[in-house]
C-alpha atoms as a PDB file:
ATOM      1  CA  UNK A   1      93.145 105.061 107.758  1.00  0.00           C
ATOM      2  CA  UNK A   2      95.758 107.517 106.545  1.00  0.00           C
ATOM      3  CA  UNK A   3      93.999 110.043 104.319  1.00  0.00           C
ATOM      4  CA  UNK A   4      95.709 112.527 102.027  1.00  0.00           C
ATOM      5  CA  UNK A   5      93.636 115.642 101.368  1.00  0.00           C
ATOM      6  CA  UNK A   6      94.627 117.077  97.983  1.00  0.00           C
ATOM      7  CA  UNK A   7      93.164 120.560  98.083  1.00  0.00           C
ATOM      8  CA  UNK A   8      92.262 121.843 101.538  1.00  0.00           C
ATOM      9  CA  UNK A   9      89.495 124.334 100.778  1.00  0.00           C
ATOM     10  CA  UNK A  10      85.887 124.141 101.975  1.00  0.00           C
ATOM     11  CA  UNK A  11      85.213 120.520 100.995  1.00  0.00           C
ATOM     12  CA  UNK A  12      88.659 119.118 101.763  1.00  0.00           C
ATOM     13  CA  UNK A  13      89.014 121.159 104.932  1.00  0.00           C
ATOM     14  CA  UNK A  14      85.659 120.162 106.389  1.00  0.00           C
ATOM     15  CA  UNK A  15      86.067 116.490 105.526  1.00  0.00           C
ATOM     16  CA  UNK A  16      89.601 116.404 106.890  1.00  0.00           C
ATOM     17  CA  UNK A  17      88.495 117.907 110.190  1.00  0.00           C
ATOM     18  CA  UNK A  18      85.678 115.372 110.495  1.00  0.00           C
ATOM     19  CA  UNK A  19      87.944 112.426 109.693  1.00  0.00           C
ATOM     20  CA  UNK A  20      90.595 113.591 112.143  1.00  0.00           C
ATOM     21  CA  UNK A  21      87.920 113.868 114.820  1.00  0.00           C
ATOM     22  CA  UNK A  22      86.892 110.313 113.939  1.00  0.00           C
ATOM     23  CA  UNK A  23      90.385 109.003 114.587  1.00  0.00           C
ATOM     24  CA  UNK A  24      91.864 108.876 111.097  1.00  0.00           C
ATOM     25  CA  UNK A  25      95.312 110.244 110.278  1.00  0.00           C
ATOM     26  CA  UNK A  26      94.743 113.262 108.044  1.00  0.00           C
ATOM     27  CA  UNK A  27      97.346 114.875 105.796  1.00  0.00           C
ATOM     28  CA  UNK A  28      96.129 118.269 104.634  1.00  0.00           C
ATOM     29  CA  UNK A  29      97.971 119.539 101.575  1.00  0.00           C
ATOM     30  CA  UNK A  30      98.059 122.525  99.284  1.00  0.00           C
ATOM     31  CA  UNK A  31     100.525 124.501  97.205  1.00  0.00           C
ATOM     32  CA  UNK A  32     100.954 126.723 100.279  1.00  0.00           C
ATOM     33  CA  UNK A  33     100.967 124.413 103.316  1.00  0.00           C
ATOM     34  CA  UNK A  34     102.096 127.252 105.577  1.00  0.00           C
ATOM     35  CA  UNK A  35      98.597 128.695 105.143  1.00  0.00           C
ATOM     36  CA  UNK A  36      96.983 125.592 106.693  1.00  0.00           C
ATOM     37  CA  UNK A  37      98.062 126.193 110.300  1.00  0.00           C
ATOM     38  CA  UNK A  38      94.591 127.235 111.499  1.00  0.00           C
ATOM     39  CA  UNK A  39      92.995 124.259 109.752  1.00  0.00           C
ATOM     40  CA  UNK A  40      95.414 121.813 111.378  1.00  0.00           C
ATOM     41  CA  UNK A  41      94.884 123.423 114.779  1.00  0.00           C
ATOM     42  CA  UNK A  42      91.105 123.097 114.422  1.00  0.00           C
ATOM     43  CA  UNK A  43      91.419 119.482 113.275  1.00  0.00           C
ATOM     44  CA  UNK A  44      93.440 118.402 116.305  1.00  0.00           C
ATOM     45  CA  UNK A  45      96.279 116.036 116.947  1.00  0.00           C
ATOM     46  CA  UNK A  46      95.447 113.582 114.152  1.00  0.00           C
ATOM     47  CA  UNK A  47      96.167 116.151 111.415  1.00  0.00           C
ATOM     48  CA  UNK A  48      99.221 117.740 109.849  1.00  0.00           C
ATOM     49  CA  UNK A  49      99.929 120.025 106.888  1.00  0.00           C
ATOM     50  CA  UNK A  50     102.306 119.415 104.000  1.00  0.00           C
ATOM     51  CA  UNK A  51     102.865 120.067 100.329  1.00  0.00           C
ATOM     52  CA  UNK A  52     100.917 118.157  97.697  1.00  0.00           C
ATOM     53  CA  UNK A  53     104.116 116.339  96.744  1.00  0.00           C
ATOM     54  CA  UNK A  54     104.702 115.266 100.349  1.00  0.00           C
ATOM     55  CA  UNK A  55     101.110 114.065 100.658  1.00  0.00           C
ATOM     56  CA  UNK A  56     101.412 111.843  97.603  1.00  0.00           C
ATOM     57  CA  UNK A  57     104.759 110.538  98.852  1.00  0.00           C
ATOM     58  CA  UNK A  58     103.260 109.717 102.273  1.00  0.00           C
ATOM     59  CA  UNK A  59     101.718 106.452 101.046  1.00  0.00           C
ATOM     60  CA  UNK A  60      98.200 107.197 102.305  1.00  0.00           C
ATOM     61  CA  UNK A  61      95.458 104.585 102.134  1.00  0.00           C
ATOM     62  CA  UNK A  62      93.024 107.009 100.492  1.00  0.00           C
ATOM     63  CA  UNK A  63      93.384 110.338  98.723  1.00  0.00           C
ATOM     64  CA  UNK A  64      90.565 112.868  98.593  1.00  0.00           C
ATOM     65  CA  UNK A  65      90.748 114.948  95.434  1.00  0.00           C
ATOM     66  CA  UNK A  66      89.179 118.330  96.267  1.00  0.00           C
ATOM     67  CA  UNK A  67      90.983 120.684  93.895  1.00  0.00           C
ATOM     68  CA  UNK A  68      89.630 122.760  91.027  1.00  0.00           C
ATOM     69  CA  UNK A  69      88.729 120.419  88.161  1.00  0.00           C
ATOM     70  CA  UNK A  70      91.301 122.013  85.867  1.00  0.00           C
ATOM     71  CA  UNK A  71      94.108 120.759  88.143  1.00  0.00           C
ATOM     72  CA  UNK A  72      93.328 117.061  87.656  1.00  0.00           C
ATOM     73  CA  UNK A  73      95.414 116.465  84.562  1.00  0.00           C
ATOM     74  CA  UNK A  74      98.534 118.129  85.965  1.00  0.00           C
ATOM     75  CA  UNK A  75      98.233 116.357  89.337  1.00  0.00           C
ATOM     76  CA  UNK A  76      97.835 112.998  87.654  1.00  0.00           C
ATOM     77  CA  UNK A  77     100.843 113.644  85.444  1.00  0.00           C
ATOM     78  CA  UNK A  78     103.106 114.905  88.230  1.00  0.00           C
ATOM     79  CA  UNK A  79     102.381 112.182  90.784  1.00  0.00           C
ATOM     80  CA  UNK A  80     101.684 109.149  88.605  1.00  0.00           C
ATOM     81  CA  UNK A  81     104.357 107.148  90.415  1.00  0.00           C
ATOM     82  CA  UNK A  82     102.842 107.726  93.843  1.00  0.00           C
ATOM     83  CA  UNK A  83      99.130 106.903  93.648  1.00  0.00           C
ATOM     84  CA  UNK A  84      99.197 103.546  91.865  1.00  0.00           C
ATOM     85  CA  UNK A  85      96.674 101.084  93.334  1.00  0.00           C
ATOM     86  CA  UNK A  86      95.517 103.672  95.902  1.00  0.00           C
ATOM     87  CA  UNK A  87      91.902 104.718  96.357  1.00  0.00           C
ATOM     88  CA  UNK A  88      91.159 108.221  95.113  1.00  0.00           C
ATOM     89  CA  UNK A  89      87.845 109.778  96.131  1.00  0.00           C
ATOM     90  CA  UNK A  90      86.978 112.369  93.513  1.00  0.00           C
ATOM     91  CA  UNK A  91      85.072 115.312  95.031  1.00  0.00           C
ATOM     92  CA  UNK A  92      85.693 117.659  92.101  1.00  0.00           C
ATOM     93  CA  UNK A  93      83.244 119.318  89.711  1.00  0.00           C
ATOM     94  CA  UNK A  94      83.786 120.810  86.257  1.00  0.00           C
ATOM     95  CA  UNK A  95      82.801 124.479  86.265  1.00  0.00           C
ATOM     96  CA  UNK A  96      83.606 126.118  82.900  1.00  0.00           C
ATOM     97  CA  UNK A  97      83.399 129.611  84.384  1.00  0.00           C
ATOM     98  CA  UNK A  98      86.266 128.682  86.746  1.00  0.00           C
ATOM     99  CA  UNK A  99      88.066 125.835  84.996  1.00  0.00           C
ATOM    100  CA  UNK A 100      87.864 126.996  81.399  1.00  0.00           C
ATOM    101  CA  UNK A 101      87.267 125.188  78.142  1.00  0.00           C
ATOM    102  CA  UNK A 102      88.531 121.801  79.344  1.00  0.00           C
ATOM    103  CA  UNK A 103      85.658 121.644  81.832  1.00  0.00           C
ATOM    104  CA  UNK A 104      83.144 122.516  79.129  1.00  0.00           C
ATOM    105  CA  UNK A 105      84.656 119.871  76.863  1.00  0.00           C
ATOM    106  CA  UNK A 106      84.221 117.215  79.572  1.00  0.00           C
ATOM    107  CA  UNK A 107      80.623 118.294  80.195  1.00  0.00           C
ATOM    108  CA  UNK A 108      79.877 118.143  76.466  1.00  0.00           C
ATOM    109  CA  UNK A 109      81.557 114.768  75.967  1.00  0.00           C
ATOM    110  CA  UNK A 110      80.044 111.292  76.183  1.00  0.00           C
ATOM    111  CA  UNK A 111      81.783 110.605  79.503  1.00  0.00           C
ATOM    112  CA  UNK A 112      80.947 112.071  82.892  1.00  0.00           C
ATOM    113  CA  UNK A 113      83.344 113.971  85.153  1.00  0.00           C
ATOM    114  CA  UNK A 114      84.294 110.993  87.325  1.00  0.00           C
ATOM    115  CA  UNK A 115      85.175 108.910  84.271  1.00  0.00           C
ATOM    116  CA  UNK A 116      87.502 111.710  83.170  1.00  0.00           C
ATOM    117  CA  UNK A 117      89.228 111.637  86.575  1.00  0.00           C
ATOM    118  CA  UNK A 118      89.508 107.847  86.501  1.00  0.00           C
ATOM    119  CA  UNK A 119      91.054 108.022  83.035  1.00  0.00           C
ATOM    120  CA  UNK A 120      93.647 110.567  84.194  1.00  0.00           C
ATOM    121  CA  UNK A 121      94.457 108.650  87.414  1.00  0.00           C
ATOM    122  CA  UNK A 122      94.537 105.419  85.463  1.00  0.00           C
ATOM    123  CA  UNK A 123      96.502 103.271  87.934  1.00  0.00           C
ATOM    124  CA  UNK A 124      94.404 104.293  90.955  1.00  0.00           C
ATOM    125  CA  UNK A 125      91.033 102.965  92.105  1.00  0.00           C
ATOM    126  CA  UNK A 126      88.637 105.867  91.744  1.00  0.00           C
ATOM    127  CA  UNK A 127      85.436 106.593  93.652  1.00  0.00           C
ATOM    128  CA  UNK A 128      83.119 109.600  93.418  1.00  0.00           C
ATOM    129  CA  UNK A 129      81.627 111.244  96.511  1.00  0.00           C
ATOM    130  CA  UNK A 130      81.101 114.545  98.327  1.00  0.00           C
ATOM    131  CA  UNK A 131      80.844 116.618  95.131  1.00  0.00           C
ATOM    132  CA  UNK A 132      77.069 117.043  95.203  1.00  0.00           C
ATOM    133  CA  UNK A 133      76.567 118.320  98.773  1.00  0.00           C
ATOM    134  CA  UNK A 134      77.003 121.966  99.746  1.00  0.00           C
ATOM    135  CA  UNK A 135      80.156 122.640 101.749  1.00  0.00           C
ATOM    136  CA  UNK A 136      78.238 124.233 104.620  1.00  0.00           C
ATOM    137  CA  UNK A 137      75.960 121.176 104.880  1.00  0.00           C
ATOM    138  CA  UNK A 138      78.993 118.906 104.867  1.00  0.00           C
ATOM    139  CA  UNK A 139      80.325 120.991 107.744  1.00  0.00           C
ATOM    140  CA  UNK A 140      77.102 121.266 109.754  1.00  0.00           C
ATOM    141  CA  UNK A 141      75.256 117.962 109.244  1.00  0.00           C
ATOM    142  CA  UNK A 142      77.980 115.465 110.162  1.00  0.00           C
ATOM    143  CA  UNK A 143      77.863 113.302 113.274  1.00  0.00           C
ATOM    144  CA  UNK A 144      74.089 112.820 113.302  1.00  0.00           C
ATOM    145  CA  UNK A 145      72.758 109.690 114.979  1.00  0.00           C
ATOM    146  CA  UNK A 146      69.286 110.005 113.433  1.00  0.00           C
ATOM    147  CA  UNK A 147      67.877 111.633 110.307  1.00  0.00           C
ATOM    148  CA  UNK A 148      71.302 111.234 108.763  1.00  0.00           C
ATOM    149  CA  UNK A 149      72.005 113.088 105.534  1.00  0.00           C
ATOM    150  CA  UNK A 150      72.624 110.723 102.623  1.00  0.00           C
ATOM    151  CA  UNK A 151      75.793 110.970 100.563  1.00  0.00           C
ATOM    152  CA  UNK A 152      75.584 109.357  97.101  1.00  0.00           C
ATOM    153  CA  UNK A 153      78.747 107.655  95.931  1.00  0.00           C
ATOM    154  CA  UNK A 154      80.053 105.460  93.150  1.00  0.00           C
ATOM    155  CA  UNK A 155      83.172 103.320  92.887  1.00  0.00           C
ATOM    156  CA  UNK A 156      85.312 101.394  90.424  1.00  0.00           C
ATOM    157  CA  UNK A 157      85.849  98.246  92.461  1.00  0.00           C
ATOM    158  CA  UNK A 158      85.180  96.522  95.794  1.00  0.00           C
ATOM    159  CA  UNK A 159      88.108  98.180  97.590  1.00  0.00           C
ATOM    160  CA  UNK A 160      87.230 101.732  96.593  1.00  0.00           C
ATOM    161  CA  UNK A 161      83.580 101.031  97.387  1.00  0.00           C
ATOM    162  CA  UNK A 162      84.324  99.682 100.871  1.00  0.00           C
ATOM    163  CA  UNK A 163      86.744 102.446 101.857  1.00  0.00           C
ATOM    164  CA  UNK A 164      84.514 105.234 100.560  1.00  0.00           C
ATOM    165  CA  UNK A 165      81.461 103.840 102.300  1.00  0.00           C
ATOM    166  CA  UNK A 166      83.379 103.552 105.571  1.00  0.00           C
ATOM    167  CA  UNK A 167      84.647 107.128 105.359  1.00  0.00           C
ATOM    168  CA  UNK A 168      81.138 108.440 104.695  1.00  0.00           C
ATOM    169  CA  UNK A 169      79.627 106.492 107.571  1.00  0.00           C
ATOM    170  CA  UNK A 170      82.506 107.169 109.992  1.00  0.00           C
ATOM    171  CA  UNK A 171      81.489 110.840 110.187  1.00  0.00           C
ATOM    172  CA  UNK A 172      77.760 110.381 110.654  1.00  0.00           C
ATOM    173  CA  UNK A 173      76.426 110.426 107.094  1.00  0.00           C
ATOM    174  CA  UNK A 174      74.415 107.715 105.333  1.00  0.00           C
ATOM    175  CA  UNK A 175      76.234 106.190 102.350  1.00  0.00           C
ATOM    176  CA  UNK A 176      74.057 105.488  99.300  1.00  0.00           C
ATOM    177  CA  UNK A 177      75.819 103.472  96.593  1.00  0.00           C
ATOM    178  CA  UNK A 178      74.591 104.365  93.128  1.00  0.00           C
ATOM    179  CA  UNK A 179      76.803 102.046  91.085  1.00  0.00           C
ATOM    180  CA  UNK A 180      79.897 102.247  88.908  1.00  0.00           C
ATOM    181  CA  UNK A 181      81.436 105.507  87.744  1.00  0.00           C
ATOM    182  CA  UNK A 182      79.325 105.440  84.595  1.00  0.00           C
ATOM    183  CA  UNK A 183      76.292 106.105  86.813  1.00  0.00           C
ATOM    184  CA  UNK A 184      77.590 109.410  88.225  1.00  0.00           C
ATOM    185  CA  UNK A 185      76.220 111.795  85.612  1.00  0.00           C
ATOM    186  CA  UNK A 186      73.304 112.489  87.994  1.00  0.00           C
ATOM    187  CA  UNK A 187      75.819 113.812  90.563  1.00  0.00           C
ATOM    188  CA  UNK A 188      77.380 116.352  88.184  1.00  0.00           C
ATOM    189  CA  UNK A 189      76.589 120.098  88.229  1.00  0.00           C
ATOM    190  CA  UNK A 190      73.071 120.979  87.067  1.00  0.00           C
ATOM    191  CA  UNK A 191      71.991 117.329  87.298  1.00  0.00           C
ATOM    192  CA  UNK A 192      69.299 115.993  89.626  1.00  0.00           C
ATOM    193  CA  UNK A 193      71.397 115.031  92.686  1.00  0.00           C
ATOM    194  CA  UNK A 194      73.656 118.080  92.571  1.00  0.00           C
ATOM    195  CA  UNK A 195      73.195 120.483  95.491  1.00  0.00           C
ATOM    196  CA  UNK A 196      70.606 118.277  97.184  1.00  0.00           C
ATOM    197  CA  UNK A 197      70.686 117.591 100.934  1.00  0.00           C
ATOM    198  CA  UNK A 198      68.361 114.661 101.612  1.00  0.00           C
ATOM    199  CA  UNK A 199      67.895 111.652 103.861  1.00  0.00           C
ATOM    200  CA  UNK A 200      68.251 108.158 102.379  1.00  0.00           C
ATOM    201  CA  UNK A 201      64.667 107.466 101.295  1.00  0.00           C
ATOM    202  CA  UNK A 202      64.364 110.915  99.704  1.00  0.00           C
ATOM    203  CA  UNK A 203      67.641 110.467  97.827  1.00  0.00           C
ATOM    204  CA  UNK A 204      66.739 106.974  96.653  1.00  0.00           C
ATOM    205  CA  UNK A 205      63.339 108.201  95.430  1.00  0.00           C
ATOM    206  CA  UNK A 206      65.059 110.978  93.485  1.00  0.00           C
ATOM    207  CA  UNK A 207      67.508 108.524  91.908  1.00  0.00           C
ATOM    208  CA  UNK A 208      64.606 106.340  90.754  1.00  0.00           C
ATOM    209  CA  UNK A 209      62.532 109.257  89.454  1.00  0.00           C
END
């Protein structure tokens, strides 16, 4: 698959490197693509760096959203013509101390963070994944062949579910589907799946608890 990484920090950078290693075409992007040279070098020949605008114009199969939560609205507004009918994997989290009042408003509302993203990226097919695992565990625990770490995910439709599951499993994690986006509250900050690094049976037991 061709994967656009929107936000190439710890989460986006680690995932992009893994996916490039797994044979996918990875487009790292940021507001300062010239600062991504080391990341692209580490990722290998399947990766390149570009601006966020170029990444959205590149017609990727999947976009990973790994920016600060406060950037979602502006990104959705700027690139609305480019992501229609594409799969967007939302790896963001609302942190009021970083993202301001809008993040607090989302956390206090009757919708969860992934539903907010799906509303903003209304013409895309949104999934939620990779937001609840620590960046260093995402970096260090990929490519296992046994005792695989489980990654919970949710998705809007069959296409976003299939692509997200494949991209989790392609890099040696165990994909655990928890349902539609309305089920993702348990993945949000301070909720019971957030920050947990568990194998499948442990994760499933926690979901049921």
